[in-house]
């Protein structure tokens, strides 16, 4: 039996991110998703939206058909 897996090359927050520290955030997404670790990737609020910034993903955790990522925002392009 296979496991559905999605490969993501950007972070789309939809406003659901949670700030843990000054530039450290967590985000939980439905399904199992794979993200590149420790390389800069784009952060957007919506998939077709404007670029919000760039981040480094520090941790990916899979559990109960969800993926939780912890990422560090390294640059900010907008104030919203």
Protein backbone atom coordinates (compact mmCIF):
# COMPACT_ATOMS: atom_id res chain seq x y z
CA UNK A 1 0.00 0.00 0.00
CA UNK A 2 1.39 3.42 -0.96
CA UNK A 3 1.44 6.70 0.89
CA UNK A 4 0.46 9.90 -0.97
CA UNK A 5 3.28 12.44 -0.82
CA UNK A 6 3.47 15.98 -2.17
CA UNK A 7 6.76 17.75 -2.92
CA UNK A 8 6.64 21.48 -2.09
CA UNK A 9 9.19 24.09 -3.17
CA UNK A 10 7.57 27.09 -1.49
CA UNK A 11 5.73 27.77 1.76
CA UNK A 12 2.09 28.88 1.35
CA UNK A 13 0.82 30.01 4.76
CA UNK A 14 -2.80 31.09 4.13
CA UNK A 15 -2.36 33.06 7.36
CA UNK A 16 -2.15 29.88 9.50
CA UNK A 17 1.48 30.21 10.61
CA UNK A 18 2.27 30.49 14.32
CA UNK A 19 5.18 32.57 15.59
CA UNK A 20 7.36 30.68 18.09
CA UNK A 21 10.21 33.18 18.39
CA UNK A 22 11.18 36.39 16.64
CA UNK A 23 11.87 34.83 13.21
CA UNK A 24 10.84 31.22 13.89
CA UNK A 25 7.41 29.96 12.79
CA UNK A 26 5.48 26.69 12.65
CA UNK A 27 2.86 25.74 10.10
CA UNK A 28 0.66 22.64 9.94
CA UNK A 29 -0.64 21.44 6.56
CA UNK A 30 -2.98 18.56 5.71
CA UNK A 31 -1.43 15.50 4.07
CA UNK A 32 2.16 14.37 3.86
CA UNK A 33 4.44 16.95 2.27
CA UNK A 34 8.15 17.00 1.62
CA UNK A 35 10.10 20.27 1.79
CA UNK A 36 13.79 21.03 1.15
CA UNK A 37 15.70 21.62 4.39
CA UNK A 38 18.19 24.43 5.07
CA UNK A 39 17.99 26.11 1.66
CA UNK A 40 16.14 29.40 1.05
CA UNK A 41 12.61 29.01 -0.34
CA UNK A 42 9.84 31.52 -0.99
CA UNK A 43 7.10 32.26 1.53
CA UNK A 44 3.71 33.40 0.21
CA UNK A 45 0.35 33.94 1.87
CA UNK A 46 -1.49 32.40 -1.12
CA UNK A 47 -0.13 30.35 -4.00
CA UNK A 48 -0.80 33.12 -6.54
CA UNK A 49 -0.06 35.94 -4.11
CA UNK A 50 2.85 38.28 -3.76
CA UNK A 51 6.13 37.07 -2.31
CA UNK A 52 6.22 37.70 1.47
CA UNK A 53 9.82 36.67 2.07
CA UNK A 54 12.30 33.81 2.12
CA UNK A 55 12.78 31.15 4.77
CA UNK A 56 14.88 28.17 5.75
CA UNK A 57 12.95 25.08 6.81
CA UNK A 58 14.55 23.67 9.93
CA UNK A 59 12.23 20.75 10.75
CA UNK A 60 9.57 18.63 9.01
CA UNK A 61 7.35 16.36 11.09
CA UNK A 62 4.73 13.91 9.72
CA UNK A 63 1.93 12.61 11.93
CA UNK A 64 -1.73 11.57 11.48
CA UNK A 65 -1.92 12.66 7.81
CA UNK A 66 -0.51 16.13 8.60
CA UNK A 67 2.83 17.80 8.05
CA UNK A 68 4.21 20.33 10.52
CA UNK A 69 7.12 22.49 9.42
CA UNK A 70 9.28 24.77 11.50
CA UNK A 71 10.90 27.52 9.47
CA UNK A 72 13.11 30.55 10.04
CA UNK A 73 12.22 33.70 8.13
CA UNK A 74 15.48 35.07 6.71
CA UNK A 75 14.13 37.98 4.65
CA UNK A 76 10.88 39.90 4.56
CA UNK A 77 9.57 41.56 1.38
CA UNK A 78 6.32 43.04 2.70
CA UNK A 79 5.09 44.27 6.07
CA UNK A 80 1.77 42.35 5.88
